[in-house]
Amino acid sequence: MSNKPDFVAKMHHTGYTVSDLERSLVFYRDLLGMRVLDRSKDEDVAAVVGIPGARVQAADLDAGQGQVLELLEYSTGSAEQPVHGPDTIGTSHLSLQVDELSSTLSRLAEAGFEPMGQVTALEDGGVWEGCTVVYLRDPDGMIVELVEQACNG
């Protein structure tokens, strides 16, 4: 037993609820090149999430350096797809580092995914100095930031 206080040791994974797991896999696996680590189908998660009868199919994707992106499609989910702006309180985004931003954006554009704003080189100093970034939305409207990293962050 450790005398160390119970603080967060590291981020374990990031999870996104999606409307169509296969469609999301086309985006994250096929277009962005994330490797599928594990898949589950029709899993009972009612006790974990506190929703009676909740069932889910899921995919865990390799986001690099030990990070995992978990995509979850609930069979009990709401059909609502609220679209929040990046400036809406409570909105989150997933930031993914890519090697070649221009070729990644070309591949995404061919599949119908366009940037929300302009591709921007950050030059204000700090940990983001030298990064080139752009925001876009995944198939469910969730915000994904692509970062080409020539920066310190």
C-alpha atoms as a PDB file:
ATOM      1  CA  MET A   1       0.000   0.000   0.000  1.00  0.00           C
ATOM      2  CA  SER A   2       1.323   3.389  -1.004  1.00  0.00           C
ATOM      3  CA  ASN A   3       1.383   6.517   1.152  1.00  0.00           C
ATOM      4  CA  LYS A   4       0.886   8.554  -2.017  1.00  0.00           C
ATOM      5  CA  PRO A   5      -2.460  10.400  -2.327  1.00  0.00           C
ATOM      6  CA  ASP A   6      -4.920   9.113  -4.929  1.00  0.00           C
ATOM      7  CA  PHE A   7      -4.326  11.559  -7.793  1.00  0.00           C
ATOM      8  CA  VAL A   8      -4.826  10.964 -11.492  1.00  0.00           C
ATOM      9  CA  ALA A   9      -1.858   8.957 -12.788  1.00  0.00           C
ATOM     10  CA  LYS A  10      -2.544   9.544 -16.496  1.00  0.00           C
ATOM     11  CA  MET A  11      -5.367   9.814 -19.006  1.00  0.00           C
ATOM     12  CA  HIS A  12      -6.602   6.293 -19.726  1.00  0.00           C
ATOM     13  CA  HIS A  13      -8.687   6.817 -22.883  1.00  0.00           C
ATOM     14  CA  THR A  14     -11.116   9.150 -24.612  1.00  0.00           C
ATOM     15  CA  GLY A  15     -14.584   7.918 -25.552  1.00  0.00           C
ATOM     16  CA  TYR A  16     -17.051   9.285 -28.107  1.00  0.00           C
ATOM     17  CA  THR A  17     -20.657   8.165 -28.502  1.00  0.00           C
ATOM     18  CA  VAL A  18     -21.430   7.784 -32.207  1.00  0.00           C
ATOM     19  CA  SER A  19     -24.631   7.127 -34.144  1.00  0.00           C
ATOM     20  CA  ASP A  20     -23.166   4.535 -36.531  1.00  0.00           C
ATOM     21  CA  LEU A  21     -20.018   2.678 -35.495  1.00  0.00           C
ATOM     22  CA  GLU A  22     -19.203   1.411 -38.985  1.00  0.00           C
ATOM     23  CA  ARG A  23     -19.513   4.906 -40.478  1.00  0.00           C
ATOM     24  CA  SER A  24     -17.260   6.308 -37.750  1.00  0.00           C
ATOM     25  CA  LEU A  25     -14.712   3.561 -38.370  1.00  0.00           C
ATOM     26  CA  VAL A  26     -14.518   4.630 -42.007  1.00  0.00           C
ATOM     27  CA  PHE A  27     -13.584   8.129 -40.789  1.00  0.00           C
ATOM     28  CA  TYR A  28     -11.144   7.252 -37.979  1.00  0.00           C
ATOM     29  CA  ARG A  29      -9.714   3.951 -39.261  1.00  0.00           C
ATOM     30  CA  ASP A  30      -9.842   4.285 -43.036  1.00  0.00           C
ATOM     31  CA  LEU A  31      -9.400   8.037 -43.569  1.00  0.00           C
ATOM     32  CA  LEU A  32      -7.200   8.898 -40.561  1.00  0.00           C
ATOM     33  CA  GLY A  33      -5.369   5.560 -40.357  1.00  0.00           C
ATOM     34  CA  MET A  34      -6.075   4.660 -36.721  1.00  0.00           C
ATOM     35  CA  ARG A  35      -5.616   0.933 -36.067  1.00  0.00           C
ATOM     36  CA  VAL A  36      -8.485  -0.993 -34.413  1.00  0.00           C
ATOM     37  CA  LEU A  37      -7.249  -2.603 -31.202  1.00  0.00           C
ATOM     38  CA  ASP A  38     -10.455  -4.294 -30.089  1.00  0.00           C
ATOM     39  CA  ARG A  39     -14.153  -4.615 -30.966  1.00  0.00           C
ATOM     40  CA  SER A  40     -17.153  -5.608 -28.869  1.00  0.00           C
ATOM     41  CA  LYS A  41     -20.735  -6.206 -29.945  1.00  0.00           C
ATOM     42  CA  ASP A  42     -23.994  -5.935 -28.011  1.00  0.00           C
ATOM     43  CA  GLU A  43     -22.438  -5.524 -24.586  1.00  0.00           C
ATOM     44  CA  ASP A  44     -24.650  -4.901 -21.528  1.00  0.00           C
ATOM     45  CA  VAL A  45     -23.389  -1.667 -19.937  1.00  0.00           C
ATOM     46  CA  ALA A  46     -26.486  -0.751 -17.903  1.00  0.00           C
ATOM     47  CA  ALA A  47     -24.735  -1.114 -14.538  1.00  0.00           C
ATOM     48  CA  VAL A  48     -21.753   0.980 -15.632  1.00  0.00           C
ATOM     49  CA  VAL A  49     -23.625   3.900 -17.214  1.00  0.00           C
ATOM     50  CA  GLY A  50     -26.738   3.854 -15.009  1.00  0.00           C
ATOM     51  CA  ILE A  51     -29.182   3.545 -17.937  1.00  0.00           C
ATOM     52  CA  PRO A  52     -31.563   0.566 -17.637  1.00  0.00           C
ATOM     53  CA  GLY A  53     -31.216  -1.760 -20.628  1.00  0.00           C
ATOM     54  CA  ALA A  54     -28.225   0.092 -22.099  1.00  0.00           C
ATOM     55  CA  ARG A  55     -26.348  -1.984 -24.641  1.00  0.00           C
ATOM     56  CA  VAL A  56     -23.389  -0.920 -26.731  1.00  0.00           C
ATOM     57  CA  GLN A  57     -21.095  -2.028 -29.491  1.00  0.00           C
ATOM     58  CA  ALA A  58     -17.656  -0.460 -29.313  1.00  0.00           C
ATOM     59  CA  ALA A  59     -14.304  -0.163 -31.019  1.00  0.00           C
ATOM     60  CA  ASP A  60     -11.025   0.811 -29.396  1.00  0.00           C
ATOM     61  CA  LEU A  61      -8.578   2.544 -31.740  1.00  0.00           C
ATOM     62  CA  ASP A  62      -4.866   3.176 -31.348  1.00  0.00           C
ATOM     63  CA  ALA A  63      -4.384   6.938 -31.048  1.00  0.00           C
ATOM     64  CA  GLY A  64      -0.600   6.589 -30.663  1.00  0.00           C
ATOM     65  CA  GLN A  65       1.765   6.609 -27.692  1.00  0.00           C
ATOM     66  CA  GLY A  66      -0.485   4.379 -25.595  1.00  0.00           C
ATOM     67  CA  GLN A  67      -3.602   6.533 -26.066  1.00  0.00           C
ATOM     68  CA  VAL A  68      -6.904   4.878 -26.970  1.00  0.00           C
ATOM     69  CA  LEU A  69      -9.951   6.370 -28.695  1.00  0.00           C
ATOM     70  CA  GLU A  70     -13.090   4.419 -27.775  1.00  0.00           C
ATOM     71  CA  LEU A  71     -16.069   4.712 -30.140  1.00  0.00           C
ATOM     72  CA  LEU A  72     -19.413   3.634 -28.658  1.00  0.00           C
ATOM     73  CA  GLU A  73     -22.700   3.029 -30.467  1.00  0.00           C
ATOM     74  CA  TYR A  74     -25.575   2.605 -28.005  1.00  0.00           C
ATOM     75  CA  SER A  75     -28.653   0.650 -29.061  1.00  0.00           C
ATOM     76  CA  THR A  76     -30.603   2.666 -26.468  1.00  0.00           C
ATOM     77  CA  GLY A  77     -29.293   6.064 -27.540  1.00  0.00           C
ATOM     78  CA  SER A  78     -31.116   9.204 -28.503  1.00  0.00           C
ATOM     79  CA  ALA A  79     -31.453  10.059 -32.183  1.00  0.00           C
ATOM     80  CA  GLU A  80     -30.659  13.683 -31.329  1.00  0.00           C
ATOM     81  CA  GLN A  81     -27.410  15.009 -32.715  1.00  0.00           C
ATOM     82  CA  PRO A  82     -26.854  18.419 -31.188  1.00  0.00           C
ATOM     83  CA  VAL A  83     -24.213  20.379 -33.042  1.00  0.00           C
ATOM     84  CA  HIS A  84     -22.258  22.631 -30.719  1.00  0.00           C
ATOM     85  CA  GLY A  85     -19.773  25.225 -31.804  1.00  0.00           C
ATOM     86  CA  PRO A  86     -16.229  25.126 -30.487  1.00  0.00           C
ATOM     87  CA  ASP A  87     -17.149  28.153 -28.347  1.00  0.00           C
ATOM     88  CA  THR A  88     -20.109  26.421 -26.608  1.00  0.00           C
ATOM     89  CA  ILE A  89     -19.510  25.710 -22.901  1.00  0.00           C
ATOM     90  CA  GLY A  90     -19.045  21.962 -22.403  1.00  0.00           C
ATOM     91  CA  THR A  91     -17.995  21.286 -25.977  1.00  0.00           C
ATOM     92  CA  SER A  92     -14.927  19.133 -26.340  1.00  0.00           C
ATOM     93  CA  HIS A  93     -12.685  18.292 -29.239  1.00  0.00           C
ATOM     94  CA  LEU A  94     -10.320  15.486 -30.080  1.00  0.00           C
ATOM     95  CA  SER A  95      -6.871  16.625 -31.224  1.00  0.00           C
ATOM     96  CA  LEU A  96      -4.942  14.218 -33.453  1.00  0.00           C
ATOM     97  CA  GLN A  97      -1.385  14.687 -34.621  1.00  0.00           C
ATOM     98  CA  VAL A  98      -0.798  13.889 -38.296  1.00  0.00           C
ATOM     99  CA  ASP A  99       2.442  13.705 -40.264  1.00  0.00           C
ATOM    100  CA  GLU A 100       1.214  15.336 -43.484  1.00  0.00           C
ATOM    101  CA  LEU A 101      -1.689  17.716 -42.876  1.00  0.00           C
ATOM    102  CA  SER A 102      -2.203  18.634 -46.542  1.00  0.00           C
ATOM    103  CA  SER A 103      -2.449  15.020 -47.739  1.00  0.00           C
ATOM    104  CA  THR A 104      -4.707  14.136 -44.788  1.00  0.00           C
ATOM    105  CA  LEU A 105      -7.015  17.044 -45.642  1.00  0.00           C
ATOM    106  CA  SER A 106      -7.077  16.013 -49.324  1.00  0.00           C
ATOM    107  CA  ARG A 107      -8.105  12.459 -48.388  1.00  0.00           C
ATOM    108  CA  LEU A 108     -10.801  13.782 -46.036  1.00  0.00           C
ATOM    109  CA  ALA A 109     -12.098  16.264 -48.642  1.00  0.00           C
ATOM    110  CA  GLU A 110     -12.476  13.447 -51.183  1.00  0.00           C
ATOM    111  CA  ALA A 111     -14.729  11.750 -48.640  1.00  0.00           C
ATOM    112  CA  GLY A 112     -16.746  14.955 -48.045  1.00  0.00           C
ATOM    113  CA  PHE A 113     -15.104  16.256 -44.856  1.00  0.00           C
ATOM    114  CA  GLU A 114     -14.115  19.922 -45.139  1.00  0.00           C
ATOM    115  CA  PRO A 115     -12.333  22.122 -42.556  1.00  0.00           C
ATOM    116  CA  MET A 116     -14.464  24.360 -40.337  1.00  0.00           C
ATOM    117  CA  GLY A 117     -11.991  27.224 -40.708  1.00  0.00           C
ATOM    118  CA  GLN A 118      -8.622  27.913 -42.223  1.00  0.00           C
ATOM    119  CA  VAL A 119      -5.484  25.835 -41.859  1.00  0.00           C
ATOM    120  CA  THR A 120      -3.456  27.992 -39.481  1.00  0.00           C
ATOM    121  CA  ALA A 121       0.251  28.043 -38.594  1.00  0.00           C
ATOM    122  CA  LEU A 122       0.629  29.049 -34.940  1.00  0.00           C
ATOM    123  CA  GLU A 123       3.417  31.523 -34.269  1.00  0.00           C
ATOM    124  CA  ASP A 124       2.542  33.090 -30.923  1.00  0.00           C
ATOM    125  CA  GLY A 125       5.178  31.270 -28.874  1.00  0.00           C
ATOM    126  CA  GLY A 126       4.709  28.733 -26.118  1.00  0.00           C
ATOM    127  CA  VAL A 127       4.115  25.015 -26.577  1.00  0.00           C
ATOM    128  CA  TRP A 128       2.103  25.527 -29.789  1.00  0.00           C
ATOM    129  CA  GLU A 129       4.821  27.509 -31.591  1.00  0.00           C
ATOM    130  CA  GLY A 130       5.320  26.061 -35.080  1.00  0.00           C
ATOM    131  CA  CYS A 131       2.205  23.845 -35.099  1.00  0.00           C
ATOM    132  CA  THR A 132      -0.191  23.958 -38.023  1.00  0.00           C
ATOM    133  CA  VAL A 133      -3.793  23.232 -37.004  1.00  0.00           C
ATOM    134  CA  VAL A 134      -7.286  22.941 -38.445  1.00  0.00           C
ATOM    135  CA  TYR A 135     -10.705  21.963 -37.080  1.00  0.00           C
ATOM    136  CA  LEU A 136     -13.235  19.730 -38.851  1.00  0.00           C
ATOM    137  CA  ARG A 137     -16.198  17.586 -37.857  1.00  0.00           C
ATOM    138  CA  ASP A 138     -16.447  13.810 -37.845  1.00  0.00           C
ATOM    139  CA  PRO A 139     -19.542  12.009 -39.248  1.00  0.00           C
ATOM    140  CA  ASP A 140     -21.543  12.802 -36.084  1.00  0.00           C
ATOM    141  CA  GLY A 141     -20.522  16.457 -35.970  1.00  0.00           C
ATOM    142  CA  MET A 142     -17.947  16.064 -33.204  1.00  0.00           C
ATOM    143  CA  ILE A 143     -15.009  18.431 -33.520  1.00  0.00           C
ATOM    144  CA  VAL A 144     -11.651  16.964 -34.493  1.00  0.00           C
ATOM    145  CA  GLU A 145      -8.527  19.125 -34.523  1.00  0.00           C
ATOM    146  CA  LEU A 146      -5.707  17.964 -36.775  1.00  0.00           C
ATOM    147  CA  VAL A 147      -2.220  19.091 -35.748  1.00  0.00           C
ATOM    148  CA  GLU A 148       0.875  18.898 -37.878  1.00  0.00           C
ATOM    149  CA  GLN A 149       3.533  19.064 -35.241  1.00  0.00           C
ATOM    150  CA  ALA A 150       6.679  21.012 -35.790  1.00  0.00           C
ATOM    151  CA  CYS A 151       5.980  22.406 -32.341  1.00  0.00           C
ATOM    152  CA  ASN A 152       6.815  21.677 -28.716  1.00  0.00           C
ATOM    153  CA  GLY A 153       3.281  20.671 -27.518  1.00  0.00           C
END
